[in-house]
Protein backbone atom coordinates (compact mmCIF):
# COMPACT_ATOMS: atom_id res chain seq x y z
CA MET A 1 113.41 36.99 -155.50
CA SER A 2 113.81 34.17 -153.00
CA ASN A 3 114.19 36.75 -149.97
CA ARG A 4 110.56 38.36 -151.12
CA LEU A 5 109.10 35.41 -151.17
CA PHE A 6 110.31 34.05 -147.85
CA PHE A 7 109.16 37.21 -146.11
CA ALA A 8 105.60 36.95 -147.78
CA ALA A 9 105.55 33.11 -146.61
CA ALA A 10 106.77 34.54 -142.92
CA LEU A 11 103.94 37.01 -142.89
CA LEU A 12 101.64 34.67 -144.06
CA LEU A 13 102.11 31.48 -142.09
CA PRO A 14 100.74 32.60 -138.53
CA ALA A 15 97.59 33.24 -140.37
CA ILE A 16 97.20 29.87 -141.84
CA LEU A 17 98.44 28.44 -138.62
CA PHE A 18 95.49 30.07 -136.54
CA SER A 19 93.00 29.62 -138.99
CA HIS A 20 90.93 27.61 -136.51
CA GLY A 21 91.74 26.55 -132.88
CA VAL A 22 90.58 23.98 -130.38
CA GLU A 23 88.06 24.55 -127.71
CA VAL A 24 87.75 22.26 -124.80
CA LEU A 25 84.76 22.30 -122.35
CA GLU A 26 84.11 20.22 -119.17
CA VAL A 27 80.34 18.84 -118.65
CA GLU A 28 79.91 18.72 -114.97
CA SER A 29 77.00 15.93 -114.91
CA GLY A 30 74.90 13.90 -117.34
CA ALA A 31 77.59 11.24 -118.43
CA LYS A 32 77.12 7.56 -118.16
CA ILE A 33 80.08 5.51 -117.74
CA VAL A 34 80.30 1.55 -118.47
CA ARG A 35 82.47 -0.90 -117.94
CA PHE A 36 82.66 -4.38 -119.62
CA SER A 37 84.73 -6.83 -118.24
CA TYR A 38 84.81 -11.11 -118.48
CA THR A 39 83.99 -13.18 -115.65
CA ASP A 40 87.61 -13.26 -114.38
CA GLY A 41 87.81 -9.50 -114.16
CA GLU A 42 90.02 -8.80 -117.10
CA PRO A 43 88.61 -6.00 -118.96
CA MET A 44 86.90 -6.28 -122.57
CA MET A 45 89.62 -4.03 -124.47
CA TYR A 46 88.52 -2.51 -127.42
CA ALA A 47 85.30 -4.12 -127.90
CA LYS A 48 82.92 -2.76 -130.05
CA ILE A 49 80.13 -0.75 -128.74
CA LYS A 50 76.49 0.12 -129.99
CA VAL A 51 74.21 2.30 -128.19
CA TYR A 52 70.42 2.32 -128.68
CA PRO A 53 68.30 5.18 -127.52
CA PRO A 54 64.70 5.34 -126.01
CA SER A 55 63.13 6.88 -129.00
CA ALA A 56 64.62 4.31 -131.28
CA PRO A 57 65.34 1.11 -129.48
CA LYS A 58 66.11 -0.87 -132.91
CA THR A 59 68.47 1.69 -134.32
CA GLU A 60 71.97 2.45 -132.97
CA THR A 61 73.06 5.93 -132.64
CA ILE A 62 76.63 5.72 -131.38
CA LYS A 63 79.19 3.44 -132.42
CA SER A 64 82.23 3.31 -130.52
CA LEU A 65 84.83 1.08 -128.84
CA THR A 66 85.78 0.28 -125.03
CA ASP A 67 89.29 1.97 -123.97
CA GLU A 68 91.92 -0.28 -122.71
CA ASN A 69 90.19 -1.02 -119.64
CA GLY A 70 87.00 -1.72 -120.67
CA PHE A 71 85.08 1.74 -120.24
CA PHE A 72 82.91 3.43 -122.11
CA ALA A 73 81.22 6.78 -121.52
CA PHE A 74 78.20 8.67 -123.27
CA VAL A 75 75.90 11.55 -122.58
CA PRO A 76 72.34 10.56 -123.10
CA ASP A 77 70.32 13.33 -124.60
CA GLU A 78 66.53 12.19 -123.68
CA GLU A 79 64.93 10.13 -121.10
CA GLY A 80 64.31 6.69 -120.83
CA GLU A 81 66.13 3.18 -121.04
CA TRP A 82 69.22 3.57 -123.19
CA ARG A 83 70.37 0.23 -124.23
CA VAL A 84 74.56 -0.60 -124.49
CA GLU A 85 75.96 -3.47 -126.11
CA ALA A 86 79.44 -4.52 -126.48
CA GLN A 87 81.27 -7.19 -128.53
CA ASP A 88 85.02 -8.50 -128.67
CA GLY A 89 84.77 -10.30 -131.80
CA MET A 90 85.41 -13.66 -130.18
CA GLY A 91 82.11 -14.54 -129.32
CA HIS A 92 81.64 -12.56 -126.09
CA ARG A 93 78.69 -10.13 -125.46
CA GLY A 94 77.62 -7.96 -123.05
CA LYS A 95 74.69 -6.00 -122.79
CA ILE A 96 73.52 -3.25 -120.05
CA ALA A 97 70.07 -1.22 -119.84
CA ILE A 98 70.55 2.11 -118.32
CA ASN A 99 67.56 4.40 -117.34
CA THR A 100 68.21 8.12 -117.22
CA LEU A 101 66.70 11.14 -115.91
CA LEU A 102 67.97 14.53 -117.42
CA ALA A 103 69.15 17.07 -115.24
CA ASP A 104 70.21 20.43 -115.97
CA GLY A 105 73.63 19.77 -116.86
CA GLU A 106 76.13 22.66 -116.42
CA VAL A 107 78.50 23.37 -118.91
CA LYS A 108 81.93 25.13 -117.87
CA GLN A 109 84.72 26.31 -119.86
CA SER A 110 87.99 24.72 -118.72
CA ALA A 111 91.49 25.89 -119.48
CA GLN A 112 91.90 26.55 -123.25
CA ASN A 113 94.82 26.20 -124.82
CA SER A 114 93.45 28.62 -127.79
CA SER A 115 93.37 31.88 -125.85
CA ALA A 116 94.32 35.15 -127.57
CA ALA A 117 97.73 35.44 -125.24
CA PHE A 118 98.81 31.92 -126.17
CA ARG A 119 98.53 32.35 -129.68
CA ILE A 120 100.36 35.53 -129.82
CA ILE A 121 103.16 34.20 -127.99
CA LEU A 122 103.26 31.34 -130.20
CA GLY A 123 103.09 33.29 -133.31
CA LEU A 124 106.26 35.51 -132.15
CA SER A 125 108.15 32.32 -131.30
CA LEU A 126 107.03 30.92 -134.77
CA LEU A 127 108.32 34.18 -136.25
CA PHE A 128 111.68 34.12 -134.30
CA ASN A 129 112.27 30.26 -135.05
CA ILE A 130 111.92 31.32 -139.24
CA PHE A 131 114.37 34.27 -138.83
CA ALA A 132 116.90 32.19 -136.81
CA VAL A 133 116.80 29.47 -139.36
CA TYR A 134 116.81 31.91 -142.12
CA GLY A 135 119.72 33.93 -140.43
CA PHE A 136 121.60 30.52 -139.82
CA ALA A 137 121.50 29.55 -143.68
CA LEU A 138 122.99 33.28 -144.51
CA ARG A 139 125.70 32.55 -142.32
CA LYS A 140 126.31 29.21 -143.89
CA ARG A 141 125.88 30.33 -147.37
CA ALA A 142 128.51 33.16 -146.70
CA ALA A 143 131.00 30.98 -145.06
CA LYS A 144 130.89 28.70 -148.39
CA THR A 145 131.96 31.69 -150.67
């Protein structure tokens, strides 16, 4: 009974693992990058970010954090003046207005880890490892008897 269950699991496991993958796209243009720092040059690490679009200047549409170097990036989807604000939680606050003109941003696919060849190799490797562990367990059980 346990052998049948093991083989059924071995056959179904790759289907479960590959139910969906990850696709990575690289956007060539359009990103706006902002760096927030203190007057001594030290970055505002992990400061809270709020972004206000031109169409709704009183409504924040993006909430995020700066990275460890004080950088924050976003891709505006409409023309006009975007306001970006950062607060570090200790009373420091920075603001910037960014005027955007939309260009025809070209989106291209970069290397994808979810390619068919990669998935096949990964599935075969997974099956091999499952059977290797099962064989090891059988040998260990046979050595005890």
